[in-house]
């Protein structure tokens, strides 16, 4: 099955039941938690995937939309599993309980614009062996590629009944906020 939408990620997107690697009295390594989530998604096991998320987990996609309600989160992860055909994480790394990685998306919108694949960046926070937050964003070079492709097309392409330029504004605003917050968080941990 081909990926038809960006992971939100997203991300992604972005989970503890019996058999999913529940805590056995020891803290699970944050990298192992994220890899476990991807393994559960790869097996298309929604119950196992949801077992890696804390009850109050939040996912923020590349436009800044938050998914915090548990039912909404379950729907989101289920859709993620259904839409994806590749579950590879590139540049996976941890800094304490913060895990970052990148993934590529080949959605019809990006293909039609001529910019596919598009690389998304993800950041997850893992506490007590569970994912509490996953935030995805598009790096600025990717946003610039999308922006240029939108401007070059007449009439302006639309994504979910919104002009491409509005989509670009929302991903750019979210990336600017996320990049600023990530910089502040990193400086506090040093």
Protein backbone atom coordinates (compact mmCIF):
# COMPACT_ATOMS: atom_id res chain seq x y z
CA UNK A 1 0.00 0.00 0.00
CA UNK A 2 1.44 3.40 -0.93
CA UNK A 3 1.72 6.26 1.54
CA UNK A 4 -0.93 8.76 0.56
CA UNK A 5 -0.33 11.44 3.12
CA UNK A 6 2.45 12.96 5.14
CA UNK A 7 3.14 11.27 8.41
CA UNK A 8 1.82 13.30 11.32
CA UNK A 9 3.49 12.60 11.07
CA UNK A 10 3.18 12.92 11.63
CA UNK A 11 4.55 12.38 11.73
CA UNK A 12 3.86 10.85 12.60
CA UNK A 13 2.61 9.49 14.22
CA UNK A 14 4.54 9.44 16.08
CA UNK A 15 2.15 3.11 22.82
CA UNK A 16 2.15 -0.30 26.37
CA UNK A 17 0.18 -3.49 26.06
CA UNK A 18 1.13 -7.06 26.89
CA UNK A 19 3.52 -8.25 24.24
CA UNK A 20 4.36 -4.73 23.05
CA UNK A 21 7.34 -4.45 25.34
CA UNK A 22 5.67 -3.33 28.56
CA UNK A 23 7.83 -2.10 31.40
CA UNK A 24 9.29 -4.95 33.39
CA UNK A 25 10.52 -2.92 36.31
CA UNK A 26 13.17 -1.19 34.22
CA UNK A 27 13.01 1.91 32.08
CA UNK A 28 12.85 1.21 28.36
CA UNK A 29 15.48 2.94 26.26
CA UNK A 30 13.85 5.85 24.32
CA UNK A 31 15.35 4.61 21.02
CA UNK A 32 13.95 1.13 21.67
CA UNK A 33 10.51 2.65 22.36
CA UNK A 34 10.43 4.48 19.02
CA UNK A 35 11.78 1.43 17.19
CA UNK A 36 9.14 -0.70 18.94
CA UNK A 37 6.43 1.67 17.72
CA UNK A 38 7.70 1.37 14.14
CA UNK A 39 7.92 -2.42 14.44
CA UNK A 40 4.30 -2.57 15.68
CA UNK A 41 3.18 -0.29 12.83
CA UNK A 42 5.15 -2.41 10.33
CA UNK A 43 3.24 -5.49 11.60
CA UNK A 44 0.05 -3.41 11.27
CA UNK A 45 -0.71 -4.11 14.94
CA UNK A 46 -2.66 -1.07 16.17
CA UNK A 47 -3.10 -2.42 19.71
CA UNK A 48 0.65 -2.98 20.11
CA UNK A 49 1.43 0.43 18.57
CA UNK A 50 -0.93 2.22 20.96
CA UNK A 51 0.78 0.44 23.85
CA UNK A 52 3.84 2.64 23.31
CA UNK A 53 1.91 5.86 24.02
CA UNK A 54 1.24 7.38 27.42
CA UNK A 55 -2.43 7.87 28.20
CA UNK A 56 -2.05 11.68 27.83
CA UNK A 57 0.12 11.50 24.68
CA UNK A 58 0.00 14.29 22.10
CA UNK A 59 0.94 14.26 18.42
CA UNK A 60 1.48 17.54 16.57
CA UNK A 61 1.58 17.35 12.77
CA UNK A 62 3.59 19.50 10.38
CA UNK A 63 0.85 22.14 10.17
CA UNK A 64 0.71 22.45 13.98
CA UNK A 65 -2.54 20.48 14.42
CA UNK A 66 -2.62 18.65 17.77
CA UNK A 67 -4.10 15.22 18.35
CA UNK A 68 -4.50 14.68 22.08
CA UNK A 69 -7.78 12.82 22.62
CA UNK A 70 -7.09 9.07 23.05
CA UNK A 71 -9.78 8.05 20.52
CA UNK A 72 -8.47 10.59 18.02
CA UNK A 73 -4.92 9.38 18.64
CA UNK A 74 -5.97 5.76 18.04
CA UNK A 75 -7.69 6.78 14.79
CA UNK A 76 -4.60 8.76 13.76
CA UNK A 77 -2.18 5.87 14.38
CA UNK A 78 -4.57 3.42 12.69
CA UNK A 79 -4.72 5.67 9.63
CA UNK A 80 -0.95 6.03 9.72
CA UNK A 81 -0.56 2.25 9.70
CA UNK A 82 -3.07 1.84 6.85
CA UNK A 83 -1.55 4.57 4.64
CA UNK A 84 2.13 3.75 4.99
CA UNK A 85 4.13 1.20 3.08
CA UNK A 86 7.57 2.18 4.43
CA UNK A 87 8.35 2.32 8.14
CA UNK A 88 12.02 3.28 7.93
CA UNK A 89 13.44 5.94 10.21
CA UNK A 90 16.50 7.82 9.04
CA UNK A 91 19.03 9.53 11.33
CA UNK A 92 17.38 8.06 14.44
CA UNK A 93 19.12 9.41 17.54
CA UNK A 94 18.46 10.07 21.20
CA UNK A 95 19.51 12.83 23.55
CA UNK A 96 18.25 11.69 26.95
CA UNK A 97 14.51 11.17 26.66
CA UNK A 98 14.30 13.16 23.39
CA UNK A 99 14.41 11.09 20.17
CA UNK A 100 14.69 12.61 16.69
CA UNK A 101 14.51 11.15 13.20
CA UNK A 102 13.48 11.97 9.64
CA UNK A 103 11.14 10.21 7.22
CA UNK A 104 10.19 10.75 3.60
CA UNK A 105 6.62 11.06 2.34
CA UNK A 106 5.43 10.42 -1.18
CA UNK A 107 1.87 11.75 -1.09
CA UNK A 108 -0.14 12.44 -4.26
CA UNK A 109 -0.10 16.19 -3.50
CA UNK A 110 3.71 16.25 -3.39
CA UNK A 111 3.95 14.02 -6.46
CA UNK A 112 1.58 16.31 -8.39
CA UNK A 113 3.69 19.33 -7.39
CA UNK A 114 6.83 17.54 -8.52
CA UNK A 115 8.54 17.71 -5.11
CA UNK A 116 8.13 14.11 -3.88
CA UNK A 117 9.56 12.69 -1.78
CA UNK A 118 9.37 15.30 0.97
CA UNK A 119 11.44 14.81 4.13
CA UNK A 120 9.76 15.38 7.49
CA UNK A 121 11.60 15.80 10.79
CA UNK A 122 10.23 14.26 14.00
CA UNK A 123 10.90 14.71 17.68
CA UNK A 124 9.48 12.45 20.37
CA UNK A 125 9.66 12.68 24.14
CA UNK A 126 9.71 9.37 26.01
CA UNK A 127 9.03 9.30 29.75
CA UNK A 128 8.77 6.17 31.90
CA UNK A 129 9.08 4.04 28.77
CA UNK A 130 6.12 5.67 26.99
CA UNK A 131 5.83 8.28 24.27
CA UNK A 132 4.29 11.47 25.64
CA UNK A 133 4.79 13.69 22.60
CA UNK A 134 5.60 13.42 18.91
CA UNK A 135 6.04 16.64 16.95
CA UNK A 136 6.69 16.70 13.22
CA UNK A 137 7.76 19.57 11.04
CA UNK A 138 9.13 20.23 7.60
CA UNK A 139 12.68 21.57 7.45
CA UNK A 140 12.96 24.99 5.76
CA UNK A 141 14.63 23.67 2.58
CA UNK A 142 11.64 21.36 2.05
CA UNK A 143 9.22 24.24 2.65
CA UNK A 144 11.09 26.35 0.09
CA UNK A 145 10.82 23.54 -2.50
CA UNK A 146 7.07 23.27 -1.90
CA UNK A 147 6.63 27.06 -1.98
CA UNK A 148 8.47 27.35 -5.32
CA UNK A 149 6.41 24.53 -6.82
CA UNK A 150 3.16 26.16 -5.65
CA UNK A 151 4.08 29.53 -7.17
CA UNK A 152 5.12 27.92 -10.45
CA UNK A 153 1.70 26.33 -11.03
CA UNK A 154 -1.27 28.26 -12.41
CA UNK A 155 -3.90 27.91 -11.18
CA UNK A 156 -2.50 27.52 -7.71
CA UNK A 157 -2.72 23.89 -6.56
CA UNK A 158 -5.06 23.06 -3.68
CA UNK A 159 -4.64 20.71 -0.76
CA UNK A 160 -7.82 19.70 1.08
CA UNK A 161 -9.70 22.61 -0.46
CA UNK A 162 -7.04 25.10 0.68
CA UNK A 163 -4.71 27.00 -1.64
CA UNK A 164 -1.17 25.68 -1.62
CA UNK A 165 0.06 29.06 -0.35
CA UNK A 166 -2.07 28.68 2.82
CA UNK A 167 -0.62 25.21 3.39
CA UNK A 168 2.89 26.64 3.00
CA UNK A 169 2.12 29.43 5.48
CA UNK A 170 0.89 26.94 8.09
CA UNK A 171 3.87 24.57 7.75
CA UNK A 172 6.29 27.49 7.77
CA UNK A 173 4.72 29.01 10.91
CA UNK A 174 4.78 25.65 12.69
CA UNK A 175 8.41 25.00 11.68
CA UNK A 176 9.43 28.46 12.93
CA UNK A 177 7.74 27.89 16.30
CA UNK A 178 9.03 24.34 16.62
CA UNK A 179 12.59 25.28 15.64
CA UNK A 180 12.62 28.07 18.25
CA UNK A 181 11.20 25.78 20.96
CA UNK A 182 13.67 23.00 20.10
CA UNK A 183 16.60 25.42 20.32
CA UNK A 184 15.47 26.62 23.75
CA UNK A 185 14.94 23.03 24.97
CA UNK A 186 18.39 21.96 23.77
CA UNK A 187 20.07 24.91 25.50
CA UNK A 188 18.38 23.97 28.79
CA UNK A 189 19.77 20.44 28.70
CA UNK A 190 23.39 21.57 28.30
